Amino acid sequence: MEWHEQAQAAEQTGDWDTAISLVSARAECYSADFYAHDNHLWHMDLLVRAERFDQLTGLAVTDVHARRRLNRSLRERGMETEPRNRAGDGDRGPSITS
């Protein structure tokens, strides 16, 4: 079984540690390799599905995709004020509308 199939199987069963580990090892933000970039976006989605908001928040400081995914997730959960609170605390990232 290929790593991609293993990651999908782990995702389907909720084995977030395995799925995140497999995908993040092959993920790269803004890579010329579109597979690596797609894996990066998948990695951000896995962090949300695993409810690892601390990790996502840490990445959001320097990663626009993490920031957008975090903001979207907060909006979906009815927590629209959280990005504004983060901005007030010094997080200069784009707001939930980005």
PDB file of N, CA and C in Angstrom:
ATOM      1  N   MET A   1       0.844  -1.176   0.000  1.00  0.00           N
ATOM      2  CA  MET A   1       0.000   0.000   0.000  1.00  0.00           C
ATOM      3  C   MET A   1       0.894   1.247   0.000  1.00  0.00           C
ATOM      4  N   GLU A   2       0.595   2.179  -0.878  1.00  0.00           N
ATOM      5  CA  GLU A   2       1.338   3.439  -0.972  1.00  0.00           C
ATOM      6  C   GLU A   2       1.057   4.314   0.245  1.00  0.00           C
ATOM      7  N   TRP A   3       1.962   5.275   0.516  1.00  0.00           N
ATOM      8  CA  TRP A   3       1.781   6.166   1.672  1.00  0.00           C
ATOM      9  C   TRP A   3       0.460   6.934   1.572  1.00  0.00           C
ATOM     10  N   HIS A   4       0.081   7.322   0.362  1.00  0.00           N
ATOM     11  CA  HIS A   4      -1.142   8.098   0.150  1.00  0.00           C
ATOM     12  C   HIS A   4      -2.371   7.285   0.571  1.00  0.00           C
ATOM     13  N   GLU A   5      -2.380   6.019   0.201  1.00  0.00           N
ATOM     14  CA  GLU A   5      -3.480   5.132   0.586  1.00  0.00           C
ATOM     15  C   GLU A   5      -3.490   4.892   2.087  1.00  0.00           C
ATOM     16  N   GLN A   6      -2.304   4.767   2.678  1.00  0.00           N
ATOM     17  CA  GLN A   6      -2.216   4.601   4.130  1.00  0.00           C
ATOM     18  C   GLN A   6      -2.757   5.835   4.845  1.00  0.00           C
ATOM     19  N   ALA A   7      -2.413   7.018   4.337  1.00  0.00           N
ATOM     20  CA  ALA A   7      -2.889   8.263   4.943  1.00  0.00           C
ATOM     21  C   ALA A   7      -4.404   8.384   4.828  1.00  0.00           C
ATOM     22  N   GLN A   8      -4.946   8.038   3.669  1.00  0.00           N
ATOM     23  CA  GLN A   8      -6.397   8.089   3.491  1.00  0.00           C
ATOM     24  C   GLN A   8      -7.103   7.113   4.422  1.00  0.00           C
ATOM     25  N   ALA A   9      -6.553   5.912   4.560  1.00  0.00           N
ATOM     26  CA  ALA A   9      -7.146   4.916   5.459  1.00  0.00           C
ATOM     27  C   ALA A   9      -7.108   5.404   6.902  1.00  0.00           C
ATOM     28  N   ALA A  10      -5.990   5.982   7.295  1.00  0.00           N
ATOM     29  CA  ALA A  10      -5.864   6.509   8.654  1.00  0.00           C
ATOM     30  C   ALA A  10      -6.854   7.657   8.875  1.00  0.00           C
ATOM     31  N   GLU A  11      -7.000   8.503   7.874  1.00  0.00           N
ATOM     32  CA  GLU A  11      -7.949   9.621   7.957  1.00  0.00           C
ATOM     33  C   GLU A  11      -9.377   9.097   8.126  1.00  0.00           C
ATOM     34  N   GLN A  12      -9.733   8.092   7.363  1.00  0.00           N
ATOM     35  CA  GLN A  12     -11.088   7.537   7.415  1.00  0.00           C
ATOM     36  C   GLN A  12     -11.403   6.907   8.763  1.00  0.00           C
ATOM     37  N   THR A  13     -10.384   6.361   9.431  1.00  0.00           N
ATOM     38  CA  THR A  13     -10.609   5.730  10.733  1.00  0.00           C
ATOM     39  C   THR A  13     -10.378   6.681  11.899  1.00  0.00           C
ATOM     40  N   GLY A  14      -9.973   7.918  11.589  1.00  0.00           N
ATOM     41  CA  GLY A  14      -9.736   8.898  12.648  1.00  0.00           C
ATOM     42  C   GLY A  14      -8.397   8.728  13.344  1.00  0.00           C
ATOM     43  N   ASP A  15      -7.479   8.014  12.719  1.00  0.00           N
ATOM     44  CA  ASP A  15      -6.126   7.857  13.261  1.00  0.00           C
ATOM     45  C   ASP A  15      -5.318   9.087  12.827  1.00  0.00           C
ATOM     46  N   TRP A  16      -5.545  10.192  13.518  1.00  0.00           N
ATOM     47  CA  TRP A  16      -4.986  11.477  13.110  1.00  0.00           C
ATOM     48  C   TRP A  16      -3.470  11.508  13.199  1.00  0.00           C
ATOM     49  N   ASP A  17      -2.897  10.882  14.216  1.00  0.00           N
ATOM     50  CA  ASP A  17      -1.434  10.879  14.340  1.00  0.00           C
ATOM     51  C   ASP A  17      -0.783  10.291  13.095  1.00  0.00           C
ATOM     52  N   THR A  18      -1.283   9.149  12.644  1.00  0.00           N
ATOM     53  CA  THR A  18      -0.717   8.489  11.466  1.00  0.00           C
ATOM     54  C   THR A  18      -0.955   9.315  10.209  1.00  0.00           C
ATOM     55  N   ALA A  19      -2.187   9.753  10.020  1.00  0.00           N
ATOM     56  CA  ALA A  19      -2.513  10.530   8.815  1.00  0.00           C
ATOM     57  C   ALA A  19      -1.673  11.798   8.735  1.00  0.00           C
ATOM     58  N   ILE A  20      -1.600  12.535   9.835  1.00  0.00           N
ATOM     59  CA  ILE A  20      -0.843  13.792   9.848  1.00  0.00           C
ATOM     60  C   ILE A  20       0.635  13.532   9.620  1.00  0.00           C
ATOM     61  N   SER A  21       1.160  12.501  10.237  1.00  0.00           N
ATOM     62  CA  SER A  21       2.578  12.170  10.076  1.00  0.00           C
ATOM     63  C   SER A  21       2.912  11.826   8.627  1.00  0.00           C
ATOM     64  N   LEU A  22       2.091  10.999   8.012  1.00  0.00           N
ATOM     65  CA  LEU A  22       2.337  10.597   6.626  1.00  0.00           C
ATOM     66  C   LEU A  22       2.229  11.769   5.656  1.00  0.00           C
ATOM     67  N   VAL A  23       1.219  12.601   5.839  1.00  0.00           N
ATOM     68  CA  VAL A  23       0.996  13.704   4.905  1.00  0.00           C
ATOM     69  C   VAL A  23       2.010  14.823   5.127  1.00  0.00           C
ATOM     70  N   SER A  24       2.265  15.188   6.371  1.00  0.00           N
ATOM     71  CA  SER A  24       3.171  16.312   6.641  1.00  0.00           C
ATOM     72  C   SER A  24       4.594  16.033   6.157  1.00  0.00           C
ATOM     73  N   ALA A  25       4.985  14.760   6.118  1.00  0.00           N
ATOM     74  CA  ALA A  25       6.325  14.405   5.645  1.00  0.00           C
ATOM     75  C   ALA A  25       6.501  14.691   4.156  1.00  0.00           C
ATOM     76  N   ARG A  26       5.389  14.825   3.444  1.00  0.00           N
ATOM     77  CA  ARG A  26       5.438  15.055   1.992  1.00  0.00           C
ATOM     78  C   ARG A  26       4.781  16.372   1.607  1.00  0.00           C
ATOM     79  N   ALA A  27       4.660  17.260   2.570  1.00  0.00           N
ATOM     80  CA  ALA A  27       3.980  18.538   2.348  1.00  0.00           C
ATOM     81  C   ALA A  27       4.981  19.684   2.296  1.00  0.00           C
ATOM     82  N   GLU A  28       4.717  20.617   1.392  1.00  0.00           N
ATOM     83  CA  GLU A  28       5.580  21.789   1.282  1.00  0.00           C
ATOM     84  C   GLU A  28       4.748  22.958   0.760  1.00  0.00           C
ATOM     85  N   CYS A  29       4.745  24.021   1.530  1.00  0.00           N
ATOM     86  CA  CYS A  29       4.005  25.219   1.150  1.00  0.00           C
ATOM     87  C   CYS A  29       4.677  25.883  -0.053  1.00  0.00           C
ATOM     88  N   TYR A  30       3.884  26.302  -1.002  1.00  0.00           N
ATOM     89  CA  TYR A  30       4.361  26.998  -2.208  1.00  0.00           C
ATOM     90  C   TYR A  30       5.461  26.242  -2.941  1.00  0.00           C
ATOM     91  N   SER A  31       5.345  24.949  -2.980  1.00  0.00           N
ATOM     92  CA  SER A  31       6.318  24.125  -3.691  1.00  0.00           C
ATOM     93  C   SER A  31       6.066  24.182  -5.193  1.00  0.00           C
ATOM     94  N   ALA A  32       7.124  24.081  -5.975  1.00  0.00           N
ATOM     95  CA  ALA A  32       6.982  23.960  -7.421  1.00  0.00           C
ATOM     96  C   ALA A  32       6.361  22.610  -7.775  1.00  0.00           C
ATOM     97  N   ASP A  33       6.499  21.648  -6.884  1.00  0.00           N
ATOM     98  CA  ASP A  33       5.878  20.330  -7.043  1.00  0.00           C
ATOM     99  C   ASP A  33       4.438  20.436  -6.540  1.00  0.00           C
ATOM    100  N   PHE A  34       3.482  20.416  -7.459  1.00  0.00           N
ATOM    101  CA  PHE A  34       2.099  20.634  -7.054  1.00  0.00           C
ATOM    102  C   PHE A  34       1.584  19.550  -6.124  1.00  0.00           C
ATOM    103  N   TYR A  35       2.148  18.354  -6.169  1.00  0.00           N
ATOM    104  CA  TYR A  35       1.764  17.307  -5.231  1.00  0.00           C
ATOM    105  C   TYR A  35       2.149  17.702  -3.802  1.00  0.00           C
ATOM    106  N   ALA A  36       3.346  18.237  -3.637  1.00  0.00           N
ATOM    107  CA  ALA A  36       3.803  18.673  -2.318  1.00  0.00           C
ATOM    108  C   ALA A  36       2.925  19.805  -1.794  1.00  0.00           C
ATOM    109  N   HIS A  37       2.542  20.714  -2.685  1.00  0.00           N
ATOM    110  CA  HIS A  37       1.669  21.811  -2.264  1.00  0.00           C
ATOM    111  C   HIS A  37       0.273  21.290  -1.895  1.00  0.00           C
ATOM    112  N   ASP A  38      -0.266  20.375  -2.692  1.00  0.00           N
ATOM    113  CA  ASP A  38      -1.560  19.770  -2.362  1.00  0.00           C
ATOM    114  C   ASP A  38      -1.495  19.035  -1.027  1.00  0.00           C
ATOM    115  N   ASN A  39      -0.380  18.365  -0.772  1.00  0.00           N
ATOM    116  CA  ASN A  39      -0.207  17.681   0.511  1.00  0.00           C
ATOM    117  C   ASN A  39      -0.172  18.679   1.661  1.00  0.00           C
ATOM    118  N   HIS A  40       0.388  19.844   1.409  1.00  0.00           N
ATOM    119  CA  HIS A  40       0.408  20.890   2.435  1.00  0.00           C
ATOM    120  C   HIS A  40      -1.025  21.309   2.787  1.00  0.00           C
ATOM    121  N   LEU A  41      -1.846  21.513   1.776  1.00  0.00           N
ATOM    122  CA  LEU A  41      -3.235  21.889   2.025  1.00  0.00           C
ATOM    123  C   LEU A  41      -3.988  20.763   2.733  1.00  0.00           C
ATOM    124  N   TRP A  42      -3.705  19.528   2.354  1.00  0.00           N
ATOM    125  CA  TRP A  42      -4.301  18.367   3.011  1.00  0.00           C
ATOM    126  C   TRP A  42      -3.873  18.334   4.480  1.00  0.00           C
ATOM    127  N   HIS A  43      -2.605  18.609   4.732  1.00  0.00           N
ATOM    128  CA  HIS A  43      -2.078  18.645   6.093  1.00  0.00           C
ATOM    129  C   HIS A  43      -2.851  19.668   6.936  1.00  0.00           C
ATOM    130  N   MET A  44      -3.094  20.862   6.390  1.00  0.00           N
ATOM    131  CA  MET A  44      -3.839  21.898   7.120  1.00  0.00           C
ATOM    132  C   MET A  44      -5.252  21.411   7.438  1.00  0.00           C
ATOM    133  N   ASP A  45      -5.877  20.740   6.469  1.00  0.00           N
ATOM    134  CA  ASP A  45      -7.222  20.216   6.678  1.00  0.00           C
ATOM    135  C   ASP A  45      -7.229  19.129   7.755  1.00  0.00           C
ATOM    136  N   LEU A  46      -6.224  18.266   7.729  1.00  0.00           N
ATOM    137  CA  LEU A  46      -6.133  17.217   8.753  1.00  0.00           C
ATOM    138  C   LEU A  46      -5.996  17.812  10.154  1.00  0.00           C
ATOM    139  N   LEU A  47      -5.215  18.877  10.275  1.00  0.00           N
ATOM    140  CA  LEU A  47      -5.061  19.515  11.588  1.00  0.00           C
ATOM    141  C   LEU A  47      -6.396  20.025  12.108  1.00  0.00           C
ATOM    142  N   VAL A  48      -7.214  20.577  11.223  1.00  0.00           N
ATOM    143  CA  VAL A  48      -8.541  21.047  11.636  1.00  0.00           C
ATOM    144  C   VAL A  48      -9.418  19.863  12.029  1.00  0.00           C
ATOM    145  N   ARG A  49      -9.460  18.850  11.188  1.00  0.00           N
ATOM    146  CA  ARG A  49     -10.317  17.690  11.468  1.00  0.00           C
ATOM    147  C   ARG A  49      -9.909  16.992  12.764  1.00  0.00           C
ATOM    148  N   ALA A  50      -8.611  17.035  13.080  1.00  0.00           N
ATOM    149  CA  ALA A  50      -8.115  16.447  14.321  1.00  0.00           C
ATOM    150  C   ALA A  50      -8.274  17.406  15.504  1.00  0.00           C
ATOM    151  N   GLU A  51      -8.784  18.605  15.207  1.00  0.00           N
ATOM    152  CA  GLU A  51      -8.974  19.663  16.213  1.00  0.00           C
ATOM    153  C   GLU A  51      -7.667  20.027  16.915  1.00  0.00           C
ATOM    154  N   ARG A  52      -6.617  20.095  16.135  1.00  0.00           N
ATOM    155  CA  ARG A  52      -5.304  20.490  16.655  1.00  0.00           C
ATOM    156  C   ARG A  52      -5.089  21.979  16.380  1.00  0.00           C
ATOM    157  N   PHE A  53      -5.918  22.768  17.019  1.00  0.00           N
ATOM    158  CA  PHE A  53      -5.918  24.207  16.771  1.00  0.00           C
ATOM    159  C   PHE A  53      -4.654  24.887  17.305  1.00  0.00           C
ATOM    160  N   ASP A  54      -4.040  24.334  18.341  1.00  0.00           N
ATOM    161  CA  ASP A  54      -2.786  24.904  18.839  1.00  0.00           C
ATOM    162  C   ASP A  54      -1.695  24.787  17.771  1.00  0.00           C
ATOM    163  N   GLN A  55      -1.601  23.631  17.134  1.00  0.00           N
ATOM    164  CA  GLN A  55      -0.613  23.443  16.071  1.00  0.00           C
ATOM    165  C   GLN A  55      -0.909  24.368  14.895  1.00  0.00           C
ATOM    166  N   LEU A  56      -2.169  24.435  14.522  1.00  0.00           N
ATOM    167  CA  LEU A  56      -2.564  25.275  13.394  1.00  0.00           C
ATOM    168  C   LEU A  56      -2.299  26.743  13.696  1.00  0.00           C
ATOM    169  N   THR A  57      -2.572  27.158  14.913  1.00  0.00           N
ATOM    170  CA  THR A  57      -2.323  28.542  15.315  1.00  0.00           C
ATOM    171  C   THR A  57      -0.827  28.848  15.257  1.00  0.00           C
ATOM    172  N   GLY A  58      -0.002  27.913  15.697  1.00  0.00           N
ATOM    173  CA  GLY A  58       1.448  28.106  15.626  1.00  0.00           C
ATOM    174  C   GLY A  58       1.922  28.248  14.190  1.00  0.00           C
ATOM    175  N   LEU A  59       1.394  27.431  13.304  1.00  0.00           N
ATOM    176  CA  LEU A  59       1.765  27.518  11.894  1.00  0.00           C
ATOM    177  C   LEU A  59       1.228  28.795  11.247  1.00  0.00           C
ATOM    178  N   ALA A  60       0.084  29.261  11.716  1.00  0.00           N
ATOM    179  CA  ALA A  60      -0.576  30.427  11.114  1.00  0.00           C
ATOM    180  C   ALA A  60       0.251  31.704  11.237  1.00  0.00           C
ATOM    181  N   VAL A  61       1.191  31.735  12.134  1.00  0.00           N
ATOM    182  CA  VAL A  61       2.034  32.914  12.310  1.00  0.00           C
ATOM    183  C   VAL A  61       2.827  33.204  11.034  1.00  0.00           C
ATOM    184  N   THR A  62       3.269  32.152  10.355  1.00  0.00           N
ATOM    185  CA  THR A  62       4.095  32.342   9.158  1.00  0.00           C
ATOM    186  C   THR A  62       3.522  31.697   7.895  1.00  0.00           C
ATOM    187  N   ASP A  63       2.430  30.968   8.012  1.00  0.00           N
ATOM    188  CA  ASP A  63       1.889  30.206   6.888  1.00  0.00           C
ATOM    189  C   ASP A  63       0.490  30.706   6.539  1.00  0.00           C
ATOM    190  N   VAL A  64       0.357  31.298   5.375  1.00  0.00           N
ATOM    191  CA  VAL A  64      -0.924  31.870   4.965  1.00  0.00           C
ATOM    192  C   VAL A  64      -2.009  30.803   4.831  1.00  0.00           C
ATOM    193  N   HIS A  65      -1.648  29.604   4.412  1.00  0.00           N
ATOM    194  CA  HIS A  65      -2.643  28.542   4.267  1.00  0.00           C
ATOM    195  C   HIS A  65      -3.163  28.096   5.632  1.00  0.00           C
ATOM    196  N   ALA A  66      -2.278  27.995   6.598  1.00  0.00           N
ATOM    197  CA  ALA A  66      -2.701  27.647   7.956  1.00  0.00           C
ATOM    198  C   ALA A  66      -3.606  28.735   8.517  1.00  0.00           C
ATOM    199  N   ARG A  67      -3.245  29.977   8.274  1.00  0.00           N
ATOM    200  CA  ARG A  67      -4.032  31.106   8.766  1.00  0.00           C
ATOM    201  C   ARG A  67      -5.435  31.110   8.149  1.00  0.00           C
ATOM    202  N   ARG A  68      -5.494  30.905   6.851  1.00  0.00           N
ATOM    203  CA  ARG A  68      -6.804  30.876   6.176  1.00  0.00           C
ATOM    204  C   ARG A  68      -7.651  29.707   6.662  1.00  0.00           C
ATOM    205  N   ARG A  69      -7.023  28.540   6.812  1.00  0.00           N
ATOM    206  CA  ARG A  69      -7.776  27.358   7.257  1.00  0.00           C
ATOM    207  C   ARG A  69      -8.245  27.520   8.692  1.00  0.00           C
ATOM    208  N   LEU A  70      -7.413  28.110   9.540  1.00  0.00           N
ATOM    209  CA  LEU A  70      -7.803  28.377  10.920  1.00  0.00           C
ATOM    210  C   LEU A  70      -8.965  29.357  10.960  1.00  0.00           C
ATOM    211  N   ASN A  71      -8.856  30.441  10.211  1.00  0.00           N
ATOM    212  CA  ASN A  71      -9.923  31.436  10.184  1.00  0.00           C
ATOM    213  C   ASN A  71     -11.232  30.830   9.681  1.00  0.00           C
ATOM    214  N   ARG A  72     -11.155  30.031   8.622  1.00  0.00           N
ATOM    215  CA  ARG A  72     -12.358  29.391   8.083  1.00  0.00           C
ATOM    216  C   ARG A  72     -12.981  28.459   9.108  1.00  0.00           C
ATOM    217  N   SER A  73     -12.142  27.696   9.789  1.00  0.00           N
ATOM    218  CA  SER A  73     -12.636  26.768  10.796  1.00  0.00           C
ATOM    219  C   SER A  73     -13.312  27.519  11.948  1.00  0.00           C
ATOM    220  N   LEU A  74     -12.710  28.614  12.373  1.00  0.00           N
ATOM    221  CA  LEU A  74     -13.320  29.403  13.445  1.00  0.00           C
ATOM    222  C   LEU A  74     -14.662  29.972  13.003  1.00  0.00           C
ATOM    223  N   ARG A  75     -14.715  30.445  11.774  1.00  0.00           N
ATOM    224  CA  ARG A  75     -15.968  30.985  11.240  1.00  0.00           C
ATOM    225  C   ARG A  75     -17.035  29.898  11.194  1.00  0.00           C
ATOM    226  N   GLU A  76     -16.673  28.705  10.741  1.00  0.00           N
ATOM    227  CA  GLU A  76     -17.623  27.584  10.660  1.00  0.00           C
ATOM    228  C   GLU A  76     -18.137  27.186  12.032  1.00  0.00           C
ATOM    229  N   ARG A  77     -17.340  27.416  13.058  1.00  0.00           N
ATOM    230  CA  ARG A  77     -17.730  27.071  14.425  1.00  0.00           C
ATOM    231  C   ARG A  77     -18.408  28.238  15.153  1.00  0.00           C
ATOM    232  N   GLY A  78     -18.679  29.311  14.417  1.00  0.00           N
ATOM    233  CA  GLY A  78     -19.351  30.460  15.015  1.00  0.00           C
ATOM    234  C   GLY A  78     -18.459  31.280  15.925  1.00  0.00           C
ATOM    235  N   MET A  79     -17.169  31.247  15.672  1.00  0.00           N
ATOM    236  CA  MET A  79     -16.206  31.958  16.514  1.00  0.00           C
ATOM    237  C   MET A  79     -15.528  33.070  15.717  1.00  0.00           C
ATOM    238  N   GLU A  80     -16.339  33.862  14.993  1.00  0.00           N
ATOM    239  CA  GLU A  80     -15.790  34.891  14.113  1.00  0.00           C
ATOM    240  C   GLU A  80     -14.928  35.918  14.840  1.00  0.00           C
ATOM    241  N   THR A  81     -15.166  36.123  16.114  1.00  0.00           N
ATOM    242  CA  THR A  81     -14.408  37.142  16.838  1.00  0.00           C
ATOM    243  C   THR A  81     -12.993  36.695  17.179  1.00  0.00           C
ATOM    244  N   GLU A  82     -12.719  35.396  17.156  1.00  0.00           N
ATOM    245  CA  GLU A  82     -11.384  34.912  17.514  1.00  0.00           C
ATOM    246  C   GLU A  82     -10.278  35.509  16.658  1.00  0.00           C
ATOM    247  N   PRO A  83     -10.396  35.544  15.318  1.00  0.00           N
ATOM    248  CA  PRO A  83      -9.324  36.162  14.529  1.00  0.00           C
ATOM    249  C   PRO A  83      -9.127  37.635  14.889  1.00  0.00           C
ATOM    250  N   ARG A  84     -10.213  38.323  15.178  1.00  0.00           N
ATOM    251  CA  ARG A  84     -10.086  39.726  15.570  1.00  0.00           C
ATOM    252  C   ARG A  84      -9.362  39.845  16.911  1.00  0.00           C
ATOM    253  N   ASN A  85      -9.675  38.919  17.832  1.00  0.00           N
ATOM    254  CA  ASN A  85      -8.977  38.923  19.116  1.00  0.00           C
ATOM    255  C   ASN A  85      -7.500  38.630  18.936  1.00  0.00           C
ATOM    256  N   ARG A  86      -7.182  37.669  18.039  1.00  0.00           N
ATOM    257  CA  ARG A  86      -5.774  37.367  17.761  1.00  0.00           C
ATOM    258  C   ARG A  86      -5.085  38.591  17.185  1.00  0.00           C
ATOM    259  N   ALA A  87      -5.759  39.299  16.294  1.00  0.00           N
ATOM    260  CA  ALA A  87      -5.176  40.500  15.692  1.00  0.00           C
ATOM    261  C   ALA A  87      -4.920  41.548  16.766  1.00  0.00           C
ATOM    262  N   GLY A  88      -5.833  41.674  17.681  1.00  0.00           N
ATOM    263  CA  GLY A  88      -5.653  42.625  18.770  1.00  0.00           C
ATOM    264  C   GLY A  88      -4.493  42.258  19.676  1.00  0.00           C
ATOM    265  N   ASP A  89      -4.164  40.972  19.710  1.00  0.00           N
ATOM    266  CA  ASP A  89      -3.054  40.496  20.533  1.00  0.00           C
ATOM    267  C   ASP A  89      -1.732  40.473  19.770  1.00  0.00           C
ATOM    268  N   GLY A  90      -1.733  40.997  18.542  1.00  0.00           N
ATOM    269  CA  GLY A  90      -0.474  41.094  17.806  1.00  0.00           C
ATOM    270  C   GLY A  90      -0.352  40.211  16.595  1.00  0.00           C
ATOM    271  N   ASP A  91      -1.315  39.315  16.342  1.00  0.00           N
ATOM    272  CA  ASP A  91      -1.275  38.481  15.141  1.00  0.00           C
ATOM    273  C   ASP A  91      -1.672  39.361  13.971  1.00  0.00           C
ATOM    274  N   ARG A  92      -0.755  39.633  13.101  1.00  0.00           N
ATOM    275  CA  ARG A  92      -0.987  40.554  11.972  1.00  0.00           C
ATOM    276  C   ARG A  92      -1.495  39.846  10.722  1.00  0.00           C
ATOM    277  N   GLY A  93      -1.857  38.588  10.838  1.00  0.00           N
ATOM    278  CA  GLY A  93      -2.336  37.831   9.690  1.00  0.00           C
ATOM    279  C   GLY A  93      -3.651  38.346   9.174  1.00  0.00           C
ATOM    280  N   PRO A  94      -4.014  37.908   7.979  1.00  0.00           N
ATOM    281  CA  PRO A  94      -5.278  38.337   7.377  1.00  0.00           C
ATOM    282  C   PRO A  94      -6.464  37.929   8.240  1.00  0.00           C
ATOM    283  N   SER A  95      -7.516  38.682   8.159  1.00  0.00           N
ATOM    284  CA  SER A  95      -8.722  38.391   8.901  1.00  0.00           C
ATOM    285  C   SER A  95      -9.459  37.222   8.253  1.00  0.00           C
ATOM    286  N   ILE A  96     -10.601  36.858   8.807  1.00  0.00           N
ATOM    287  CA  ILE A  96     -11.363  35.725   8.308  1.00  0.00           C
ATOM    288  C   ILE A  96     -11.869  35.936   6.901  1.00  0.00           C
ATOM    289  N   THR A  97     -11.827  37.127   6.388  1.00  0.00           N
ATOM    290  CA  THR A  97     -12.311  37.381   5.041  1.00  0.00           C
ATOM    291  C   THR A  97     -11.249  37.119   3.995  1.00  0.00           C
ATOM    292  N   SER A  98     -10.047  36.788   4.389  1.00  0.00           N
ATOM    293  CA  SER A  98      -8.956  36.542   3.433  1.00  0.00           C
ATOM    294  C   SER A  98      -9.047  35.167   2.844  1.00  0.00           C
TER     295      SER A  98
END
